[in-house]
Each structure stands twice: as structure tokens, then as C-alpha cells.
Amino acid sequence: MTTEIAKYLAQFRGQEVTYLPNPGNAGDSVIAAGTYHAMDAAGLRYVTPHRDRLDPTGRVVFYGGGGNLVGDTTHSARTIAAVHAKAKHLTILPHTVKDVDGLLGEFGGNVTVICRERVSYDHVRSRGGRYETLLMDDMAFSLDVERLLGDRDAFNLPAMLWDFVQKQVRRDRAHANFDSVMRYLWPGREAGRVLTRKPGGTLHCFRLDDEAGGMPIPPDNIDLSQVFAFGVSPPAVAFHAARCMIRVVKACDQVDTDRLHVAVSSAIAGTTIRFFPNSYYKCRAVWEFSMKDRFPNVIWMG
């Protein structure tokens, strides 16, 4: 766990924290897994209730880190808008933040916004709101790889099945749907192909969505962030997705990607990574702040 986030989390020891992980793909699972590890290391007591059942009144709330706070209509922005005024304190864990100036203007002194790179930090701080603005590493850098790959967080089938049943009863599709459950319980063709690929060689892992950096897509491309999109809660689900990601990149000689958390996973696993930019500043900014001078195995291709 990085020193700055360890010190920050320590101030909440002795209180119950409500953690709302940011939903998404396997990159978000890696972030959530790192957050669970960081909160455990800090000795925090935390719960992860479903958003629709949360009453944040008088509670300490952590909203999970990520890259979703980039517009007023995103899941992150909607959730945070519903929580910040009622919470005793709201911490937005390390995030890329843009195009949410209206939301920033609503925040009071009970809100801490932690940015994961300097572009977001400079912008959020420049708005001059009453909230606190901090700059810290993405929570994925708090992932304890040795613990993740060991027995301590072993695959937990009952927890995953129970999580899936609850989500179907609530009709909650934000974290896991039937296809993702089938992938993590019985790896399908794509997941199976990744998990059983020969060790070594170069893995091409480029985005296939609107945030892609424009690189030509190799014919053997495998978008790990989508293949292992199992969910972010409960912890067993996030750990399983993160473990799949780490095991695959760790077995490769080199990874080429414009996926931020494929790059972070490769960096902390010790694999050589050629890191390409995405469609806006996110990858470059995180590389400059958290990776450039710390991970000689990361080669920036921007």
C-alpha cells in the first residue's frame, strides 16, 4: 500500500466505513481488490451495501476510485450526487475527474476528492470549492500481489453465487450479469483461451471501445478487462477477477496495451509493458504521476 493512502485511511480507524466500489470491468475489479487490501491493512471496519439500500445519513462513505467521474450522467456522478450532502464525510477515492464542475460546485466541507493524476488534481483544485482536494496513487497500486496469489483470498464459490442471486433479485445489473457469472464460475471460450494460453510471448490487449487510443488492433488481441469483467463486490468476486488478470499478465514476457489497469497489473506483476495512450489524457497522466519513475518495466509509447 502506498504511504499516502495508508496515512489517509488510518484516520478512519475505529469507525465503520461504507464502501461503494465503482462498478465496471476487470480494471475496476483490480481497483476494488486494491482498496479491500488497503482498508484491511489500515484496520478499517467496512461494509459494502447495495447503492439503492444505502442511507448515507451521518455515515462515513468511501466512493471507489476509477475513471468514471468524467461527466454528470455517469454512474459515479449520479451516486455521489445522491450521497454527498447526507454523509458525515464522503471520500472520493483516487479518480480521474473531468466535466463534473456542476457537481464539484455542490460539495461542502464534508467531501474529500482524491485525484489519481495531476491533470485532474489541478482542475479540481482550481474550482475553489469548499471540499478538500488531494493527489494520490490509483488504488490498484495498493494491491498486495503476494496475498492475492496466495491462499488467503482463495476462490469463494458460495460467496459469488450468493452475490449473483442477490443482484438478480434486486434486478441490479451494475456489477454482475448472467454472462459474467458464467465466465467466472465456468470460464467460457474467451476466458478459457486466455487462462490456458502458453506462458511467455507478447500479449496484445487493446481497447475496443470509444476510449481506444487508435492503435491498429492485432488479430490476436484479447481485451482482458472485458474477458474478466466479473464484478467488484463482494471482495471474493473482485479478488477472483484481479487474480485472473495478474496471473495472465505475469505469465507473459511482454504486454502491449492502452488499458490503464492492464498496464498497472503488469507493472506490479513485474512484466515488461509497452503502454500506449488512450483517447484522452488518462493513461499518460497516471503513467507520469505513478509509474514513470517507479517501474522500469513500463515503456511509455505515447
C-alpha atoms as a PDB file:
ATOM      1  CA  MET A   1       0.000   0.000   0.000  1.00  0.00           C
ATOM      2  CA  THR A   2       1.349   3.416  -0.887  1.00  0.00           C
ATOM      3  CA  THR A   3       2.306   5.624   2.051  1.00  0.00           C
ATOM      4  CA  GLU A   4      -0.067   8.499   1.314  1.00  0.00           C
ATOM      5  CA  ILE A   5      -3.246   6.421   1.149  1.00  0.00           C
ATOM      6  CA  ALA A   6      -2.167   4.426   4.230  1.00  0.00           C
ATOM      7  CA  LYS A   7      -1.900   7.633   6.253  1.00  0.00           C
ATOM      8  CA  TYR A   8      -5.202   8.907   4.915  1.00  0.00           C
ATOM      9  CA  LEU A   9      -7.131   5.726   5.704  1.00  0.00           C
ATOM     10  CA  ALA A  10      -5.650   5.481   9.205  1.00  0.00           C
ATOM     11  CA  GLN A  11      -7.689   8.474  10.387  1.00  0.00           C
ATOM     12  CA  PHE A  12     -10.893   6.434   9.955  1.00  0.00           C
ATOM     13  CA  ARG A  13      -9.770   3.537  12.163  1.00  0.00           C
ATOM     14  CA  GLY A  14     -12.395   2.789  14.805  1.00  0.00           C
ATOM     15  CA  GLN A  15     -15.295   3.967  12.635  1.00  0.00           C
ATOM     16  CA  GLU A  16     -17.482   1.894  10.340  1.00  0.00           C
ATOM     17  CA  VAL A  17     -16.920   2.912   6.730  1.00  0.00           C
ATOM     18  CA  THR A  18     -19.436   2.401   3.954  1.00  0.00           C
ATOM     19  CA  TYR A  19     -17.537   1.497   0.788  1.00  0.00           C
ATOM     20  CA  LEU A  20     -19.272   1.896  -2.569  1.00  0.00           C
ATOM     21  CA  PRO A  21     -16.978   0.365  -5.207  1.00  0.00           C
ATOM     22  CA  ASN A  22     -17.138   1.859  -8.674  1.00  0.00           C
ATOM     23  CA  PRO A  23     -18.673  -0.802 -10.950  1.00  0.00           C
ATOM     24  CA  GLY A  24     -17.176  -1.710 -14.294  1.00  0.00           C
ATOM     25  CA  ASN A  25     -14.778  -4.073 -15.971  1.00  0.00           C
ATOM     26  CA  ALA A  26     -11.840  -6.100 -14.651  1.00  0.00           C
ATOM     27  CA  GLY A  27      -9.800  -2.930 -14.249  1.00  0.00           C
ATOM     28  CA  ASP A  28     -12.367  -1.771 -11.725  1.00  0.00           C
ATOM     29  CA  SER A  29     -12.078  -5.169 -10.034  1.00  0.00           C
ATOM     30  CA  VAL A  30      -8.332  -4.610  -9.659  1.00  0.00           C
ATOM     31  CA  ILE A  31      -9.033  -1.184  -8.151  1.00  0.00           C
ATOM     32  CA  ALA A  32     -11.602  -2.662  -5.761  1.00  0.00           C
ATOM     33  CA  ALA A  33      -9.267  -5.502  -4.767  1.00  0.00           C
ATOM     34  CA  GLY A  34      -6.527  -2.988  -4.013  1.00  0.00           C
ATOM     35  CA  THR A  35      -8.983  -0.974  -1.953  1.00  0.00           C
ATOM     36  CA  TYR A  36     -10.055  -4.000   0.094  1.00  0.00           C
ATOM     37  CA  HIS A  37      -6.387  -4.780   0.752  1.00  0.00           C
ATOM     38  CA  ALA A  38      -5.680  -1.173   1.752  1.00  0.00           C
ATOM     39  CA  MET A  39      -8.651  -0.990   4.106  1.00  0.00           C
ATOM     40  CA  ASP A  40      -7.684  -4.315   5.682  1.00  0.00           C
ATOM     41  CA  ALA A  41      -4.098  -3.146   6.153  1.00  0.00           C
ATOM     42  CA  ALA A  42      -5.358   0.065   7.765  1.00  0.00           C
ATOM     43  CA  GLY A  43      -7.531  -1.922  10.196  1.00  0.00           C
ATOM     44  CA  LEU A  44     -10.802  -0.406   8.961  1.00  0.00           C
ATOM     45  CA  ARG A  45     -14.246  -1.847   9.540  1.00  0.00           C
ATOM     46  CA  TYR A  46     -16.233  -1.522   6.323  1.00  0.00           C
ATOM     47  CA  VAL A  47     -19.494  -2.603   4.743  1.00  0.00           C
ATOM     48  CA  THR A  48     -20.430  -2.678   1.045  1.00  0.00           C
ATOM     49  CA  PRO A  49     -24.213  -2.202   0.846  1.00  0.00           C
ATOM     50  CA  HIS A  50     -26.136  -2.005  -2.393  1.00  0.00           C
ATOM     51  CA  ARG A  51     -26.454   1.607  -3.507  1.00  0.00           C
ATOM     52  CA  ASP A  52     -30.274   1.538  -3.617  1.00  0.00           C
ATOM     53  CA  ARG A  53     -30.405   0.342   0.005  1.00  0.00           C
ATOM     54  CA  LEU A  54     -27.904   2.846   1.356  1.00  0.00           C
ATOM     55  CA  ASP A  55     -28.911   5.579   3.771  1.00  0.00           C
ATOM     56  CA  PRO A  56     -25.741   7.690   3.935  1.00  0.00           C
ATOM     57  CA  THR A  57     -27.085   9.968   6.661  1.00  0.00           C
ATOM     58  CA  GLY A  58     -24.392  10.522   9.281  1.00  0.00           C
ATOM     59  CA  ARG A  59     -22.107   7.860   7.798  1.00  0.00           C
ATOM     60  CA  VAL A  60     -18.515   7.876   6.596  1.00  0.00           C
ATOM     61  CA  VAL A  61     -18.702   6.906   2.921  1.00  0.00           C
ATOM     62  CA  PHE A  62     -15.905   5.970   0.514  1.00  0.00           C
ATOM     63  CA  TYR A  63     -16.753   6.049  -3.170  1.00  0.00           C
ATOM     64  CA  GLY A  64     -14.423   3.719  -5.055  1.00  0.00           C
ATOM     65  CA  GLY A  65     -11.645   5.026  -7.251  1.00  0.00           C
ATOM     66  CA  GLY A  66     -11.606   4.779 -11.018  1.00  0.00           C
ATOM     67  CA  GLY A  67     -12.153   6.675 -14.237  1.00  0.00           C
ATOM     68  CA  ASN A  68     -15.925   7.022 -14.318  1.00  0.00           C
ATOM     69  CA  LEU A  69     -16.265  10.545 -12.899  1.00  0.00           C
ATOM     70  CA  VAL A  70     -15.991  12.103 -16.341  1.00  0.00           C
ATOM     71  CA  GLY A  71     -19.454  13.553 -16.907  1.00  0.00           C
ATOM     72  CA  ASP A  72     -22.573  14.479 -14.963  1.00  0.00           C
ATOM     73  CA  THR A  73     -24.582  11.499 -16.270  1.00  0.00           C
ATOM     74  CA  THR A  74     -22.125   8.750 -15.282  1.00  0.00           C
ATOM     75  CA  HIS A  75     -22.892   6.181 -12.600  1.00  0.00           C
ATOM     76  CA  SER A  76     -20.277   7.778 -10.346  1.00  0.00           C
ATOM     77  CA  ALA A  77     -21.707  11.274 -10.674  1.00  0.00           C
ATOM     78  CA  ARG A  78     -25.281  10.115 -10.036  1.00  0.00           C
ATOM     79  CA  THR A  79     -24.295   8.074  -6.990  1.00  0.00           C
ATOM     80  CA  ILE A  80     -22.113  10.797  -5.492  1.00  0.00           C
ATOM     81  CA  ALA A  81     -24.827  13.414  -6.096  1.00  0.00           C
ATOM     82  CA  ALA A  82     -27.245  11.323  -4.038  1.00  0.00           C
ATOM     83  CA  VAL A  83     -24.787  10.792  -1.170  1.00  0.00           C
ATOM     84  CA  HIS A  84     -22.564  13.795  -0.517  1.00  0.00           C
ATOM     85  CA  ALA A  85     -24.979  16.146   1.264  1.00  0.00           C
ATOM     86  CA  LYS A  86     -26.229  13.491   3.689  1.00  0.00           C
ATOM     87  CA  ALA A  87     -22.961  11.793   4.586  1.00  0.00           C
ATOM     88  CA  LYS A  88     -20.982  12.725   7.654  1.00  0.00           C
ATOM     89  CA  HIS A  89     -17.969  12.562   5.371  1.00  0.00           C
ATOM     90  CA  LEU A  90     -17.577  11.447   1.760  1.00  0.00           C
ATOM     91  CA  THR A  91     -14.215  10.472   0.322  1.00  0.00           C
ATOM     92  CA  ILE A  92     -13.959  10.010  -3.419  1.00  0.00           C
ATOM     93  CA  LEU A  93     -11.028   7.626  -3.666  1.00  0.00           C
ATOM     94  CA  PRO A  94      -8.373   8.288  -6.343  1.00  0.00           C
ATOM     95  CA  HIS A  95     -10.203   9.181  -9.524  1.00  0.00           C
ATOM     96  CA  THR A  96      -9.783  10.804 -12.892  1.00  0.00           C
ATOM     97  CA  VAL A  97     -12.191  13.755 -12.767  1.00  0.00           C
ATOM     98  CA  LYS A  98     -13.433  15.903 -15.647  1.00  0.00           C
ATOM     99  CA  ASP A  99     -16.638  17.509 -16.925  1.00  0.00           C
ATOM    100  CA  VAL A 100     -18.351  17.465 -13.500  1.00  0.00           C
ATOM    101  CA  ASP A 101     -17.911  21.112 -12.499  1.00  0.00           C
ATOM    102  CA  GLY A 102     -21.566  21.394 -11.501  1.00  0.00           C
ATOM    103  CA  LEU A 103     -21.231  18.507  -9.070  1.00  0.00           C
ATOM    104  CA  LEU A 104     -17.980  19.908  -7.651  1.00  0.00           C
ATOM    105  CA  GLY A 105     -19.807  23.168  -7.001  1.00  0.00           C
ATOM    106  CA  GLU A 106     -22.342  21.357  -4.799  1.00  0.00           C
ATOM    107  CA  PHE A 107     -19.765  19.826  -2.473  1.00  0.00           C
ATOM    108  CA  GLY A 108     -19.414  21.089   1.071  1.00  0.00           C
ATOM    109  CA  GLY A 109     -16.563  20.817   3.527  1.00  0.00           C
ATOM    110  CA  ASN A 110     -17.518  17.222   4.314  1.00  0.00           C
ATOM    111  CA  VAL A 111     -16.165  15.997   0.955  1.00  0.00           C
ATOM    112  CA  THR A 112     -12.619  14.950   0.065  1.00  0.00           C
ATOM    113  CA  VAL A 113     -11.810  14.479  -3.613  1.00  0.00           C
ATOM    114  CA  ILE A 114      -8.675  12.400  -4.202  1.00  0.00           C
ATOM    115  CA  CYS A 115      -7.322  12.577  -7.752  1.00  0.00           C
ATOM    116  CA  ARG A 116      -5.020   9.936  -9.194  1.00  0.00           C
ATOM    117  CA  GLU A 117      -3.072  12.205 -11.536  1.00  0.00           C
ATOM    118  CA  ARG A 118      -2.082  15.866 -11.804  1.00  0.00           C
ATOM    119  CA  VAL A 119      -4.351  16.889 -14.686  1.00  0.00           C
ATOM    120  CA  SER A 120      -7.464  16.084 -12.668  1.00  0.00           C
ATOM    121  CA  TYR A 121      -5.919  17.412  -9.448  1.00  0.00           C
ATOM    122  CA  ASP A 122      -5.052  20.793 -10.965  1.00  0.00           C
ATOM    123  CA  HIS A 123      -8.528  21.162 -12.444  1.00  0.00           C
ATOM    124  CA  VAL A 124     -10.447  20.095  -9.329  1.00  0.00           C
ATOM    125  CA  ARG A 125      -8.321  22.303  -7.116  1.00  0.00           C
ATOM    126  CA  SER A 126      -8.765  25.284  -9.446  1.00  0.00           C
ATOM    127  CA  ARG A 127     -12.540  25.234  -8.961  1.00  0.00           C
ATOM    128  CA  GLY A 128     -12.036  26.714  -5.484  1.00  0.00           C
ATOM    129  CA  GLY A 129     -14.774  24.754  -3.740  1.00  0.00           C
ATOM    130  CA  ARG A 130     -15.112  24.082  -0.009  1.00  0.00           C
ATOM    131  CA  TYR A 131     -14.112  20.443  -0.466  1.00  0.00           C
ATOM    132  CA  GLU A 132     -10.641  19.067   0.202  1.00  0.00           C
ATOM    133  CA  THR A 133      -8.531  18.089  -2.830  1.00  0.00           C
ATOM    134  CA  LEU A 134      -5.720  15.518  -2.552  1.00  0.00           C
ATOM    135  CA  LEU A 135      -3.411  13.762  -5.003  1.00  0.00           C
ATOM    136  CA  MET A 136      -2.582  10.062  -4.509  1.00  0.00           C
ATOM    137  CA  ASP A 137      -1.856   6.907  -6.475  1.00  0.00           C
ATOM    138  CA  ASP A 138      -4.631   4.873  -8.063  1.00  0.00           C
ATOM    139  CA  MET A 139      -5.900   2.289  -5.562  1.00  0.00           C
ATOM    140  CA  ALA A 140      -4.724  -0.553  -7.803  1.00  0.00           C
ATOM    141  CA  PHE A 141      -1.173   0.223  -6.664  1.00  0.00           C
ATOM    142  CA  SER A 142      -2.266  -0.860  -3.162  1.00  0.00           C
ATOM    143  CA  LEU A 143      -2.898  -4.402  -4.393  1.00  0.00           C
ATOM    144  CA  ASP A 144      -0.883  -6.962  -2.421  1.00  0.00           C
ATOM    145  CA  VAL A 145       0.106  -9.323  -5.238  1.00  0.00           C
ATOM    146  CA  GLU A 146       1.627 -11.959  -2.933  1.00  0.00           C
ATOM    147  CA  ARG A 147      -1.541 -12.089  -0.840  1.00  0.00           C
ATOM    148  CA  LEU A 148      -3.749 -12.112  -3.944  1.00  0.00           C
ATOM    149  CA  LEU A 149      -1.967 -15.085  -5.468  1.00  0.00           C
ATOM    150  CA  GLY A 150      -1.752 -16.965  -2.174  1.00  0.00           C
ATOM    151  CA  ASP A 151      -4.359 -18.891  -0.237  1.00  0.00           C
ATOM    152  CA  ARG A 152      -5.662 -16.053   1.896  1.00  0.00           C
ATOM    153  CA  ASP A 153      -8.218 -14.868  -0.656  1.00  0.00           C
ATOM    154  CA  ALA A 154      -8.989 -18.230  -2.226  1.00  0.00           C
ATOM    155  CA  PHE A 155     -11.764 -18.655  -4.788  1.00  0.00           C
ATOM    156  CA  ASN A 156     -15.068 -18.450  -2.942  1.00  0.00           C
ATOM    157  CA  LEU A 157     -17.819 -20.100  -4.975  1.00  0.00           C
ATOM    158  CA  PRO A 158     -20.637 -19.737  -2.364  1.00  0.00           C
ATOM    159  CA  ALA A 159     -19.955 -16.000  -1.983  1.00  0.00           C
ATOM    160  CA  MET A 160     -20.067 -15.492  -5.732  1.00  0.00           C
ATOM    161  CA  LEU A 161     -23.273 -17.461  -6.185  1.00  0.00           C
ATOM    162  CA  TRP A 162     -24.970 -15.629  -3.313  1.00  0.00           C
ATOM    163  CA  ASP A 163     -23.849 -12.283  -4.722  1.00  0.00           C
ATOM    164  CA  PHE A 164     -25.295 -13.172  -8.112  1.00  0.00           C
ATOM    165  CA  VAL A 165     -28.641 -14.329  -6.658  1.00  0.00           C
ATOM    166  CA  GLN A 166     -28.993 -11.120  -4.648  1.00  0.00           C
ATOM    167  CA  LYS A 167     -28.252  -8.976  -7.679  1.00  0.00           C
ATOM    168  CA  GLN A 168     -30.796 -10.805  -9.802  1.00  0.00           C
ATOM    169  CA  VAL A 169     -33.479 -10.427  -7.113  1.00  0.00           C
ATOM    170  CA  ARG A 170     -32.739  -6.683  -6.966  1.00  0.00           C
ATOM    171  CA  ARG A 171     -32.508  -6.514 -10.763  1.00  0.00           C
ATOM    172  CA  ASP A 172     -29.145  -4.857 -10.302  1.00  0.00           C
ATOM    173  CA  ARG A 173     -27.057  -5.124 -13.463  1.00  0.00           C
ATOM    174  CA  ALA A 174     -24.368  -2.657 -12.438  1.00  0.00           C
ATOM    175  CA  HIS A 175     -21.958  -5.256 -11.034  1.00  0.00           C
ATOM    176  CA  ALA A 176     -22.632  -8.700 -12.471  1.00  0.00           C
ATOM    177  CA  ASN A 177     -24.964 -10.262 -15.023  1.00  0.00           C
ATOM    178  CA  PHE A 178     -25.530 -13.863 -16.071  1.00  0.00           C
ATOM    179  CA  ASP A 179     -22.789 -13.835 -18.712  1.00  0.00           C
ATOM    180  CA  SER A 180     -20.160 -12.529 -16.283  1.00  0.00           C
ATOM    181  CA  VAL A 181     -21.188 -15.065 -13.645  1.00  0.00           C
ATOM    182  CA  MET A 182     -20.864 -17.872 -16.163  1.00  0.00           C
ATOM    183  CA  ARG A 183     -17.396 -16.600 -17.067  1.00  0.00           C
ATOM    184  CA  TYR A 184     -16.104 -16.622 -13.508  1.00  0.00           C
ATOM    185  CA  LEU A 185     -17.752 -19.883 -12.476  1.00  0.00           C
ATOM    186  CA  TRP A 186     -17.143 -21.798 -15.709  1.00  0.00           C
ATOM    187  CA  PRO A 187     -14.724 -19.900 -17.930  1.00  0.00           C
ATOM    188  CA  GLY A 188     -16.184 -19.627 -21.405  1.00  0.00           C
ATOM    189  CA  ARG A 189     -14.353 -19.866 -24.687  1.00  0.00           C
ATOM    190  CA  GLU A 190     -12.705 -16.446 -24.485  1.00  0.00           C
ATOM    191  CA  ALA A 191     -11.752 -16.599 -20.789  1.00  0.00           C
ATOM    192  CA  GLY A 192     -10.621 -20.197 -21.192  1.00  0.00           C
ATOM    193  CA  ARG A 193      -8.449 -19.242 -24.145  1.00  0.00           C
ATOM    194  CA  VAL A 194      -6.701 -16.598 -22.055  1.00  0.00           C
ATOM    195  CA  LEU A 195      -6.266 -18.712 -18.942  1.00  0.00           C
ATOM    196  CA  THR A 196      -4.837 -21.638 -20.903  1.00  0.00           C
ATOM    197  CA  ARG A 197      -2.641 -19.667 -23.335  1.00  0.00           C
ATOM    198  CA  LYS A 198       1.013 -20.663 -23.463  1.00  0.00           C
ATOM    199  CA  PRO A 199       3.242 -18.826 -20.982  1.00  0.00           C
ATOM    200  CA  GLY A 200       5.607 -16.272 -22.442  1.00  0.00           C
ATOM    201  CA  GLY A 201       5.384 -14.243 -25.608  1.00  0.00           C
ATOM    202  CA  THR A 202       3.688 -10.890 -26.112  1.00  0.00           C
ATOM    203  CA  LEU A 203       0.070 -10.343 -25.138  1.00  0.00           C
ATOM    204  CA  HIS A 204      -1.777  -7.697 -27.146  1.00  0.00           C
ATOM    205  CA  CYS A 205      -4.523  -6.169 -25.053  1.00  0.00           C
ATOM    206  CA  PHE A 206      -6.055  -3.096 -26.680  1.00  0.00           C
ATOM    207  CA  ARG A 207      -9.386  -1.424 -26.038  1.00  0.00           C
ATOM    208  CA  LEU A 208     -12.245  -1.973 -28.488  1.00  0.00           C
ATOM    209  CA  ASP A 209     -14.462   0.922 -27.366  1.00  0.00           C
ATOM    210  CA  ASP A 210     -14.698   4.704 -27.823  1.00  0.00           C
ATOM    211  CA  GLU A 211     -11.790   5.281 -25.437  1.00  0.00           C
ATOM    212  CA  ALA A 212      -9.340   3.336 -27.598  1.00  0.00           C
ATOM    213  CA  GLY A 213      -6.163   5.160 -28.498  1.00  0.00           C
ATOM    214  CA  GLY A 214      -6.412   4.472 -32.225  1.00  0.00           C
ATOM    215  CA  MET A 215      -3.800   1.726 -32.468  1.00  0.00           C
ATOM    216  CA  PRO A 216      -4.362  -0.896 -35.193  1.00  0.00           C
ATOM    217  CA  ILE A 217      -5.865  -3.909 -33.436  1.00  0.00           C
ATOM    218  CA  PRO A 218      -3.682  -7.044 -33.799  1.00  0.00           C
ATOM    219  CA  PRO A 219      -5.532 -10.189 -34.916  1.00  0.00           C
ATOM    220  CA  ASP A 220      -4.589 -11.959 -31.659  1.00  0.00           C
ATOM    221  CA  ASN A 221      -5.861  -9.101 -29.471  1.00  0.00           C
ATOM    222  CA  ILE A 222      -7.516 -10.097 -26.170  1.00  0.00           C
ATOM    223  CA  ASP A 223      -9.231  -7.336 -24.161  1.00  0.00           C
ATOM    224  CA  LEU A 224      -8.622  -8.761 -20.672  1.00  0.00           C
ATOM    225  CA  SER A 225     -10.648  -6.028 -18.986  1.00  0.00           C
ATOM    226  CA  GLN A 226     -13.778  -7.313 -20.692  1.00  0.00           C
ATOM    227  CA  VAL A 227     -12.927 -11.020 -20.504  1.00  0.00           C
ATOM    228  CA  PHE A 228     -12.547 -10.873 -16.706  1.00  0.00           C
ATOM    229  CA  ALA A 229     -15.377  -8.410 -16.022  1.00  0.00           C
ATOM    230  CA  PHE A 230     -16.757 -10.402 -13.097  1.00  0.00           C
ATOM    231  CA  GLY A 231     -17.687  -7.629 -10.653  1.00  0.00           C
ATOM    232  CA  VAL A 232     -16.344  -5.502  -7.816  1.00  0.00           C
ATOM    233  CA  SER A 233     -18.209  -6.851  -4.788  1.00  0.00           C
ATOM    234  CA  PRO A 234     -18.224  -8.775  -2.535  1.00  0.00           C
ATOM    235  CA  PRO A 235     -14.445  -8.938  -2.057  1.00  0.00           C
ATOM    236  CA  ALA A 236     -14.257 -12.559  -3.264  1.00  0.00           C
ATOM    237  CA  VAL A 237     -15.541 -11.515  -6.696  1.00  0.00           C
ATOM    238  CA  ALA A 238     -13.099  -8.617  -7.048  1.00  0.00           C
ATOM    239  CA  PHE A 239     -10.210 -10.800  -5.853  1.00  0.00           C
ATOM    240  CA  HIS A 240     -11.046 -13.516  -8.382  1.00  0.00           C
ATOM    241  CA  ALA A 241     -11.146 -11.067 -11.314  1.00  0.00           C
ATOM    242  CA  ALA A 242      -7.930  -9.371 -10.179  1.00  0.00           C
ATOM    243  CA  ARG A 243      -6.236 -12.744  -9.662  1.00  0.00           C
ATOM    244  CA  CYS A 244      -7.124 -13.829 -13.214  1.00  0.00           C
ATOM    245  CA  MET A 245      -5.718 -10.569 -14.576  1.00  0.00           C
ATOM    246  CA  ILE A 246      -2.482 -10.753 -12.579  1.00  0.00           C
ATOM    247  CA  ARG A 247      -1.873 -14.431 -13.377  1.00  0.00           C
ATOM    248  CA  VAL A 248      -2.247 -13.866 -17.114  1.00  0.00           C
ATOM    249  CA  VAL A 249      -0.001 -10.795 -17.388  1.00  0.00           C
ATOM    250  CA  LYS A 250       2.551 -12.300 -15.002  1.00  0.00           C
ATOM    251  CA  ALA A 251       2.918 -15.314 -17.308  1.00  0.00           C
ATOM    252  CA  CYS A 252       3.741 -13.119 -20.320  1.00  0.00           C
ATOM    253  CA  ASP A 253       7.141 -11.854 -21.411  1.00  0.00           C
ATOM    254  CA  GLN A 254       5.596  -8.583 -22.568  1.00  0.00           C
ATOM    255  CA  VAL A 255       2.187  -6.896 -22.659  1.00  0.00           C
ATOM    256  CA  ASP A 256       1.160  -4.204 -25.165  1.00  0.00           C
ATOM    257  CA  THR A 257      -1.916  -2.257 -24.097  1.00  0.00           C
ATOM    258  CA  ASP A 258      -3.814   1.022 -23.913  1.00  0.00           C
ATOM    259  CA  ARG A 259      -5.812  -0.320 -20.950  1.00  0.00           C
ATOM    260  CA  LEU A 260      -4.731   1.533 -17.799  1.00  0.00           C
ATOM    261  CA  HIS A 261      -5.275  -1.331 -15.367  1.00  0.00           C
ATOM    262  CA  VAL A 262      -3.817  -3.974 -17.626  1.00  0.00           C
ATOM    263  CA  ALA A 263      -0.744  -1.728 -17.559  1.00  0.00           C
ATOM    264  CA  VAL A 264      -0.892  -1.283 -13.770  1.00  0.00           C
ATOM    265  CA  SER A 265      -1.393  -5.028 -13.257  1.00  0.00           C
ATOM    266  CA  SER A 266       1.586  -5.757 -15.497  1.00  0.00           C
ATOM    267  CA  ALA A 267       3.708  -3.153 -13.733  1.00  0.00           C
ATOM    268  CA  ILE A 268       3.129  -4.516 -10.234  1.00  0.00           C
ATOM    269  CA  ALA A 269       3.479  -8.108 -11.501  1.00  0.00           C
ATOM    270  CA  GLY A 270       6.923  -7.286 -12.891  1.00  0.00           C
ATOM    271  CA  THR A 271       6.093  -7.918 -16.554  1.00  0.00           C
ATOM    272  CA  THR A 272       7.549  -5.735 -19.303  1.00  0.00           C
ATOM    273  CA  ILE A 273       4.784  -3.487 -20.573  1.00  0.00           C
ATOM    274  CA  ARG A 274       4.553  -1.244 -23.612  1.00  0.00           C
ATOM    275  CA  PHE A 275       1.952   1.287 -22.533  1.00  0.00           C
ATOM    276  CA  PHE A 276       0.056   3.187 -25.232  1.00  0.00           C
ATOM    277  CA  PRO A 277      -2.151   6.285 -24.756  1.00  0.00           C
ATOM    278  CA  ASN A 278      -5.939   6.084 -24.731  1.00  0.00           C
ATOM    279  CA  SER A 279      -8.227   8.648 -26.389  1.00  0.00           C
ATOM    280  CA  TYR A 280      -7.660  11.342 -23.741  1.00  0.00           C
ATOM    281  CA  TYR A 281      -5.100  12.164 -21.069  1.00  0.00           C
ATOM    282  CA  LYS A 282      -5.875   9.408 -18.525  1.00  0.00           C
ATOM    283  CA  CYS A 283      -3.170   6.858 -19.340  1.00  0.00           C
ATOM    284  CA  ARG A 284      -0.422   9.404 -19.865  1.00  0.00           C
ATOM    285  CA  ALA A 285      -1.293  11.296 -16.686  1.00  0.00           C
ATOM    286  CA  VAL A 286      -1.313   8.186 -14.464  1.00  0.00           C
ATOM    287  CA  TRP A 287       1.920   6.966 -16.055  1.00  0.00           C
ATOM    288  CA  GLU A 288       3.591  10.326 -15.382  1.00  0.00           C
ATOM    289  CA  PHE A 289       2.436  10.513 -11.754  1.00  0.00           C
ATOM    290  CA  SER A 290       2.645   6.907 -10.560  1.00  0.00           C
ATOM    291  CA  MET A 291       4.713   4.825 -12.969  1.00  0.00           C
ATOM    292  CA  LYS A 292       7.351   6.840 -14.841  1.00  0.00           C
ATOM    293  CA  ASP A 293       9.994   6.914 -12.124  1.00  0.00           C
ATOM    294  CA  ARG A 294       8.979   3.770 -10.185  1.00  0.00           C
ATOM    295  CA  PHE A 295       8.533   0.981 -12.718  1.00  0.00           C
ATOM    296  CA  PRO A 296      11.441   0.494 -15.146  1.00  0.00           C
ATOM    297  CA  ASN A 297       9.480  -2.375 -16.727  1.00  0.00           C
ATOM    298  CA  VAL A 298       6.929   0.134 -18.111  1.00  0.00           C
ATOM    299  CA  ILE A 299       7.772   1.644 -21.510  1.00  0.00           C
ATOM    300  CA  TRP A 300       5.608   4.632 -22.462  1.00  0.00           C
ATOM    301  CA  MET A 301       4.665   4.591 -26.153  1.00  0.00           C
ATOM    302  CA  GLY A 302       2.987   7.998 -26.405  1.00  0.00           C
END
